[in-house]
Amino acid sequence: MIIPVRLGKSSYDIEISRGAINLAADKIMKKDRKVCVVTDSGVPTEYAEKLLTSLGEGAILHVIPAGEANKNFDTLQSVLRTMLEAGFTRSDAVVALGGGVVGDLCGFCAATYLRGIKFIQIPTTLLAMVDSSVGGKTAIDLESGKNLVGAFYQPKLVLCDTNTLNTLPTDIFQDGCAEVIKYGILYDSGLFSYLQTT
């Protein structure tokens, strides 16, 4: 399934399928493009391994510690340093593989590295798939509050592999379900009715 997000020059597609990670190279890689895949320590390693295999030689991996507490300047700087040391240019890209923390941080990284490079979201939680991976909200936290430093920076693609939902802990999956229910209540009575009967 492909859901187009039409925003003029910032338009992009949300692609949803089983096994999408295995097909990522066709969507992401171009000749001589380097890609930095950023994930966190809470994401099953099999997903990063599959993605790197799909992307091939031009891909490098950067793993950050899991958790909201690590969505900060130090972690941002570690990703930027990895890209700088690998010689990333404005023709290259950052891929966020994970939940909202990874997506927020990578998006801000992409928005600021060389004043903006390409950014792809591959969300692995239901909450990230239905909320934080779309809309272009990117940020890091300060000690005084969440998401105080950021930018609106749209991804070039959101690639949702629904197989990743199979490994979510129950409470994390339920977080995403609550967001879906909220959207049904606020915007779509048909969706809300469907949710009540399933």
C-alpha atoms as a PDB file:
ATOM      1  CA  MET A   1       0.000   0.000   0.000  1.00  0.00           C
ATOM      2  CA  ILE A   2       1.239   3.479  -0.900  1.00  0.00           C
ATOM      3  CA  ILE A   3      -0.151   6.594   0.767  1.00  0.00           C
ATOM      4  CA  PRO A   4       0.951   9.813  -0.950  1.00  0.00           C
ATOM      5  CA  VAL A   5       1.648  12.877   1.173  1.00  0.00           C
ATOM      6  CA  ARG A   6       1.345  15.872  -1.116  1.00  0.00           C
ATOM      7  CA  LEU A   7       3.233  18.946   0.097  1.00  0.00           C
ATOM      8  CA  GLY A   8       4.487  20.501  -3.108  1.00  0.00           C
ATOM      9  CA  LYS A   9       8.264  20.219  -3.319  1.00  0.00           C
ATOM     10  CA  SER A  10       8.307  18.352   0.001  1.00  0.00           C
ATOM     11  CA  SER A  11       5.913  15.584  -1.101  1.00  0.00           C
ATOM     12  CA  TYR A  12       6.713  11.979  -0.251  1.00  0.00           C
ATOM     13  CA  ASP A  13       5.147   8.532  -0.082  1.00  0.00           C
ATOM     14  CA  ILE A  14       4.366   6.304   2.881  1.00  0.00           C
ATOM     15  CA  GLU A  15       4.833   2.713   1.732  1.00  0.00           C
ATOM     16  CA  ILE A  16       3.385  -0.081   3.874  1.00  0.00           C
ATOM     17  CA  SER A  17       4.103  -3.770   3.298  1.00  0.00           C
ATOM     18  CA  ARG A  18       5.373  -6.945   4.889  1.00  0.00           C
ATOM     19  CA  GLY A  19       9.104  -7.415   4.380  1.00  0.00           C
ATOM     20  CA  ALA A  20       9.649  -3.835   3.181  1.00  0.00           C
ATOM     21  CA  ILE A  21      13.100  -3.719   4.812  1.00  0.00           C
ATOM     22  CA  ASN A  22      14.322  -6.374   2.394  1.00  0.00           C
ATOM     23  CA  LEU A  23      13.369  -4.159  -0.553  1.00  0.00           C
ATOM     24  CA  ALA A  24      14.755  -0.907   0.816  1.00  0.00           C
ATOM     25  CA  ALA A  25      17.667  -0.686  -1.606  1.00  0.00           C
ATOM     26  CA  ASP A  26      15.348  -0.207  -4.586  1.00  0.00           C
ATOM     27  CA  LYS A  27      13.780   2.792  -2.850  1.00  0.00           C
ATOM     28  CA  ILE A  28      16.846   4.343  -1.239  1.00  0.00           C
ATOM     29  CA  MET A  29      20.099   3.564  -3.003  1.00  0.00           C
ATOM     30  CA  LYS A  30      21.405   5.485  -5.992  1.00  0.00           C
ATOM     31  CA  LYS A  31      24.748   5.361  -7.734  1.00  0.00           C
ATOM     32  CA  ASP A  32      27.586   6.292  -5.370  1.00  0.00           C
ATOM     33  CA  ARG A  33      25.161   7.260  -2.568  1.00  0.00           C
ATOM     34  CA  LYS A  34      26.267   6.625   1.001  1.00  0.00           C
ATOM     35  CA  VAL A  35      23.654   5.920   3.646  1.00  0.00           C
ATOM     36  CA  CYS A  36      23.974   6.118   7.420  1.00  0.00           C
ATOM     37  CA  VAL A  37      21.499   3.783   9.091  1.00  0.00           C
ATOM     38  CA  VAL A  38      20.790   4.929  12.637  1.00  0.00           C
ATOM     39  CA  THR A  39      19.063   2.598  15.061  1.00  0.00           C
ATOM     40  CA  ASP A  40      19.012   2.155  18.820  1.00  0.00           C
ATOM     41  CA  SER A  41      19.994  -0.646  21.144  1.00  0.00           C
ATOM     42  CA  GLY A  42      16.353  -1.566  21.762  1.00  0.00           C
ATOM     43  CA  VAL A  43      15.619  -2.433  18.124  1.00  0.00           C
ATOM     44  CA  PRO A  44      16.180  -6.124  17.286  1.00  0.00           C
ATOM     45  CA  THR A  45      19.549  -6.457  15.538  1.00  0.00           C
ATOM     46  CA  GLU A  46      17.998  -8.588  12.805  1.00  0.00           C
ATOM     47  CA  TYR A  47      16.303  -5.510  11.329  1.00  0.00           C
ATOM     48  CA  ALA A  48      19.544  -3.567  10.973  1.00  0.00           C
ATOM     49  CA  GLU A  49      21.260  -6.640   9.545  1.00  0.00           C
ATOM     50  CA  LYS A  50      18.525  -7.110   6.923  1.00  0.00           C
ATOM     51  CA  LEU A  51      18.581  -3.434   6.023  1.00  0.00           C
ATOM     52  CA  LEU A  52      22.361  -3.271   5.669  1.00  0.00           C
ATOM     53  CA  THR A  53      22.302  -6.409   3.523  1.00  0.00           C
ATOM     54  CA  SER A  54      19.642  -4.837   1.317  1.00  0.00           C
ATOM     55  CA  LEU A  55      21.472  -1.519   0.975  1.00  0.00           C
ATOM     56  CA  GLY A  56      24.868  -3.045   0.243  1.00  0.00           C
ATOM     57  CA  GLU A  57      28.360  -1.525   0.376  1.00  0.00           C
ATOM     58  CA  GLY A  58      27.300   2.097   0.566  1.00  0.00           C
ATOM     59  CA  ALA A  59      25.632   1.701   3.971  1.00  0.00           C
ATOM     60  CA  ILE A  60      27.119   2.189   7.423  1.00  0.00           C
ATOM     61  CA  LEU A  61      25.475   1.575  10.799  1.00  0.00           C
ATOM     62  CA  HIS A  62      25.374   3.828  13.847  1.00  0.00           C
ATOM     63  CA  VAL A  63      23.721   2.459  17.004  1.00  0.00           C
ATOM     64  CA  ILE A  64      22.611   4.858  19.726  1.00  0.00           C
ATOM     65  CA  PRO A  65      21.503   3.958  23.267  1.00  0.00           C
ATOM     66  CA  ALA A  66      17.771   3.341  23.577  1.00  0.00           C
ATOM     67  CA  GLY A  67      15.481   5.702  25.446  1.00  0.00           C
ATOM     68  CA  GLU A  68      14.218   9.275  25.454  1.00  0.00           C
ATOM     69  CA  ALA A  69      17.070  10.313  27.765  1.00  0.00           C
ATOM     70  CA  ASN A  70      19.473   9.815  24.847  1.00  0.00           C
ATOM     71  CA  LYS A  71      17.665  12.153  22.441  1.00  0.00           C
ATOM     72  CA  ASN A  72      20.164  14.916  23.186  1.00  0.00           C
ATOM     73  CA  PHE A  73      23.053  16.958  21.820  1.00  0.00           C
ATOM     74  CA  ASP A  74      25.664  14.312  22.720  1.00  0.00           C
ATOM     75  CA  THR A  75      23.881  11.612  20.738  1.00  0.00           C
ATOM     76  CA  LEU A  76      23.220  13.999  17.858  1.00  0.00           C
ATOM     77  CA  GLN A  77      26.897  14.900  17.754  1.00  0.00           C
ATOM     78  CA  SER A  78      27.887  11.224  17.695  1.00  0.00           C
ATOM     79  CA  VAL A  79      25.759  10.633  14.576  1.00  0.00           C
ATOM     80  CA  LEU A  80      27.043  13.779  12.873  1.00  0.00           C
ATOM     81  CA  ARG A  81      30.625  12.782  13.636  1.00  0.00           C
ATOM     82  CA  THR A  82      30.090   9.332  12.110  1.00  0.00           C
ATOM     83  CA  MET A  83      28.765  10.899   8.917  1.00  0.00           C
ATOM     84  CA  LEU A  84      31.531  13.480   8.763  1.00  0.00           C
ATOM     85  CA  GLU A  85      34.251  10.864   9.240  1.00  0.00           C
ATOM     86  CA  ALA A  86      32.684   8.755   6.472  1.00  0.00           C
ATOM     87  CA  GLY A  87      32.770  11.732   4.106  1.00  0.00           C
ATOM     88  CA  PHE A  88      29.043  12.206   3.682  1.00  0.00           C
ATOM     89  CA  THR A  89      27.978  14.879   1.207  1.00  0.00           C
ATOM     90  CA  ARG A  90      24.610  16.450   0.371  1.00  0.00           C
ATOM     91  CA  SER A  91      24.027  13.611  -2.109  1.00  0.00           C
ATOM     92  CA  ASP A  92      23.959  11.077   0.725  1.00  0.00           C
ATOM     93  CA  ALA A  93      21.218  10.127   3.170  1.00  0.00           C
ATOM     94  CA  VAL A  94      20.314   9.268   6.746  1.00  0.00           C
ATOM     95  CA  VAL A  95      17.919   6.397   7.486  1.00  0.00           C
ATOM     96  CA  ALA A  96      16.095   6.201  10.810  1.00  0.00           C
ATOM     97  CA  LEU A  97      15.391   2.574  11.774  1.00  0.00           C
ATOM     98  CA  GLY A  98      13.427   2.496  15.013  1.00  0.00           C
ATOM     99  CA  GLY A  99      10.799   4.302  17.018  1.00  0.00           C
ATOM    100  CA  GLY A 100      10.093   7.947  17.675  1.00  0.00           C
ATOM    101  CA  VAL A 101      13.366   8.736  19.442  1.00  0.00           C
ATOM    102  CA  VAL A 102      15.453   7.516  16.514  1.00  0.00           C
ATOM    103  CA  GLY A 103      13.218   9.237  13.983  1.00  0.00           C
ATOM    104  CA  ASP A 104      13.193  12.585  15.788  1.00  0.00           C
ATOM    105  CA  LEU A 105      16.949  12.616  16.270  1.00  0.00           C
ATOM    106  CA  CYS A 106      17.797  11.438  12.745  1.00  0.00           C
ATOM    107  CA  GLY A 107      15.442  13.927  11.192  1.00  0.00           C
ATOM    108  CA  PHE A 108      17.105  16.785  13.029  1.00  0.00           C
ATOM    109  CA  CYS A 109      20.499  15.361  12.061  1.00  0.00           C
ATOM    110  CA  ALA A 110      19.444  15.340   8.395  1.00  0.00           C
ATOM    111  CA  ALA A 111      18.026  18.858   8.641  1.00  0.00           C
ATOM    112  CA  THR A 112      21.267  20.278  10.023  1.00  0.00           C
ATOM    113  CA  TYR A 113      24.097  18.268   8.423  1.00  0.00           C
ATOM    114  CA  LEU A 114      25.462  20.425   5.579  1.00  0.00           C
ATOM    115  CA  ARG A 115      22.229  22.453   5.895  1.00  0.00           C
ATOM    116  CA  GLY A 116      20.109  19.505   4.857  1.00  0.00           C
ATOM    117  CA  ILE A 117      20.516  16.030   3.372  1.00  0.00           C
ATOM    118  CA  LYS A 118      18.024  13.332   2.450  1.00  0.00           C
ATOM    119  CA  PHE A 119      16.174  11.566   5.231  1.00  0.00           C
ATOM    120  CA  ILE A 120      14.254   8.269   5.148  1.00  0.00           C
ATOM    121  CA  GLN A 121      12.087   6.925   7.953  1.00  0.00           C
ATOM    122  CA  ILE A 122      11.757   3.174   8.564  1.00  0.00           C
ATOM    123  CA  PRO A 123       9.631   3.076  11.731  1.00  0.00           C
ATOM    124  CA  THR A 124       9.594  -0.167  13.726  1.00  0.00           C
ATOM    125  CA  THR A 125       6.861   0.643  16.279  1.00  0.00           C
ATOM    126  CA  LEU A 126       3.162   1.169  15.662  1.00  0.00           C
ATOM    127  CA  LEU A 127       3.287   4.588  17.327  1.00  0.00           C
ATOM    128  CA  ALA A 128       6.099   5.701  15.031  1.00  0.00           C
ATOM    129  CA  MET A 129       4.298   4.322  11.965  1.00  0.00           C
ATOM    130  CA  VAL A 130       1.079   6.228  12.624  1.00  0.00           C
ATOM    131  CA  ASP A 131       2.498   9.367  14.226  1.00  0.00           C
ATOM    132  CA  SER A 132       6.125  10.414  14.591  1.00  0.00           C
ATOM    133  CA  SER A 133       7.444   9.169  11.224  1.00  0.00           C
ATOM    134  CA  VAL A 134       5.125  11.479   9.283  1.00  0.00           C
ATOM    135  CA  GLY A 135       4.667  15.228   9.391  1.00  0.00           C
ATOM    136  CA  GLY A 136       8.307  16.268   9.454  1.00  0.00           C
ATOM    137  CA  LYS A 137       8.577  16.964  13.190  1.00  0.00           C
ATOM    138  CA  THR A 138      12.218  16.512  14.224  1.00  0.00           C
ATOM    139  CA  ALA A 139      13.908  17.462  17.495  1.00  0.00           C
ATOM    140  CA  ILE A 140      16.168  16.697  20.392  1.00  0.00           C
ATOM    141  CA  ASP A 141      15.577  17.349  24.092  1.00  0.00           C
ATOM    142  CA  LEU A 142      17.202  19.760  26.500  1.00  0.00           C
ATOM    143  CA  GLU A 143      17.470  19.296  30.255  1.00  0.00           C
ATOM    144  CA  SER A 144      14.591  21.734  30.669  1.00  0.00           C
ATOM    145  CA  GLY A 145      12.179  19.913  28.376  1.00  0.00           C
ATOM    146  CA  LYS A 146      11.374  17.672  25.417  1.00  0.00           C
ATOM    147  CA  ASN A 147      11.717  18.665  21.769  1.00  0.00           C
ATOM    148  CA  LEU A 148      12.960  22.176  22.507  1.00  0.00           C
ATOM    149  CA  VAL A 149      15.534  22.166  19.679  1.00  0.00           C
ATOM    150  CA  GLY A 150      14.348  20.985  16.287  1.00  0.00           C
ATOM    151  CA  ALA A 151      13.052  21.714  12.824  1.00  0.00           C
ATOM    152  CA  PHE A 152      10.218  20.790  10.513  1.00  0.00           C
ATOM    153  CA  TYR A 153      11.995  18.662   7.907  1.00  0.00           C
ATOM    154  CA  GLN A 154      10.035  16.220   5.773  1.00  0.00           C
ATOM    155  CA  PRO A 155      11.380  12.756   4.972  1.00  0.00           C
ATOM    156  CA  LYS A 156      11.872  11.696   1.371  1.00  0.00           C
ATOM    157  CA  LEU A 157      10.166   8.376   2.106  1.00  0.00           C
ATOM    158  CA  VAL A 158       8.484   6.539   4.964  1.00  0.00           C
ATOM    159  CA  LEU A 159       8.857   2.765   4.621  1.00  0.00           C
ATOM    160  CA  CYS A 160       6.718   0.733   7.041  1.00  0.00           C
ATOM    161  CA  ASP A 161       7.559  -2.957   7.367  1.00  0.00           C
ATOM    162  CA  THR A 162       4.624  -4.424   9.286  1.00  0.00           C
ATOM    163  CA  ASN A 163       6.689  -7.513  10.146  1.00  0.00           C
ATOM    164  CA  THR A 164       8.496  -5.386  12.735  1.00  0.00           C
ATOM    165  CA  LEU A 165       5.285  -5.183  14.773  1.00  0.00           C
ATOM    166  CA  ASN A 166       5.596  -8.905  15.564  1.00  0.00           C
ATOM    167  CA  THR A 167       8.497  -8.295  17.956  1.00  0.00           C
ATOM    168  CA  LEU A 168       7.038  -5.361  19.896  1.00  0.00           C
ATOM    169  CA  PRO A 169       6.434  -5.764  23.632  1.00  0.00           C
ATOM    170  CA  THR A 170       2.723  -5.648  24.444  1.00  0.00           C
ATOM    171  CA  ASP A 171       2.868  -2.283  26.205  1.00  0.00           C
ATOM    172  CA  ILE A 172       4.688  -0.639  23.305  1.00  0.00           C
ATOM    173  CA  PHE A 173       2.160  -2.026  20.818  1.00  0.00           C
ATOM    174  CA  GLN A 174      -0.677  -0.763  23.021  1.00  0.00           C
ATOM    175  CA  ASP A 175       0.837   2.735  22.983  1.00  0.00           C
ATOM    176  CA  GLY A 176       0.446   2.731  19.222  1.00  0.00           C
ATOM    177  CA  CYS A 177      -3.085   1.357  19.431  1.00  0.00           C
ATOM    178  CA  ALA A 178      -4.072   4.230  21.704  1.00  0.00           C
ATOM    179  CA  GLU A 179      -2.830   6.688  19.081  1.00  0.00           C
ATOM    180  CA  VAL A 180      -4.853   4.955  16.359  1.00  0.00           C
ATOM    181  CA  ILE A 181      -7.972   5.080  18.556  1.00  0.00           C
ATOM    182  CA  LYS A 182      -7.356   8.795  19.159  1.00  0.00           C
ATOM    183  CA  TYR A 183      -7.253   9.448  15.415  1.00  0.00           C
ATOM    184  CA  GLY A 184     -10.508   7.556  15.002  1.00  0.00           C
ATOM    185  CA  ILE A 185     -12.207   9.649  17.681  1.00  0.00           C
ATOM    186  CA  LEU A 186     -10.887  12.954  16.334  1.00  0.00           C
ATOM    187  CA  TYR A 187     -10.987  12.502  12.582  1.00  0.00           C
ATOM    188  CA  ASP A 188     -12.630   9.326  11.297  1.00  0.00           C
ATOM    189  CA  SER A 189     -15.823   7.861  12.726  1.00  0.00           C
ATOM    190  CA  GLY A 190     -15.600   4.948  10.278  1.00  0.00           C
ATOM    191  CA  LEU A 191     -12.183   4.011  11.599  1.00  0.00           C
ATOM    192  CA  PHE A 192     -13.408   4.307  15.186  1.00  0.00           C
ATOM    193  CA  SER A 193     -16.405   2.065  14.453  1.00  0.00           C
ATOM    194  CA  TYR A 194     -14.095  -0.484  12.826  1.00  0.00           C
ATOM    195  CA  LEU A 195     -11.794  -0.475  15.844  1.00  0.00           C
ATOM    196  CA  GLN A 196     -14.728  -1.085  18.177  1.00  0.00           C
ATOM    197  CA  THR A 197     -15.674  -4.264  16.313  1.00  0.00           C
ATOM    198  CA  THR A 198     -12.207  -5.805  15.918  1.00  0.00           C
END
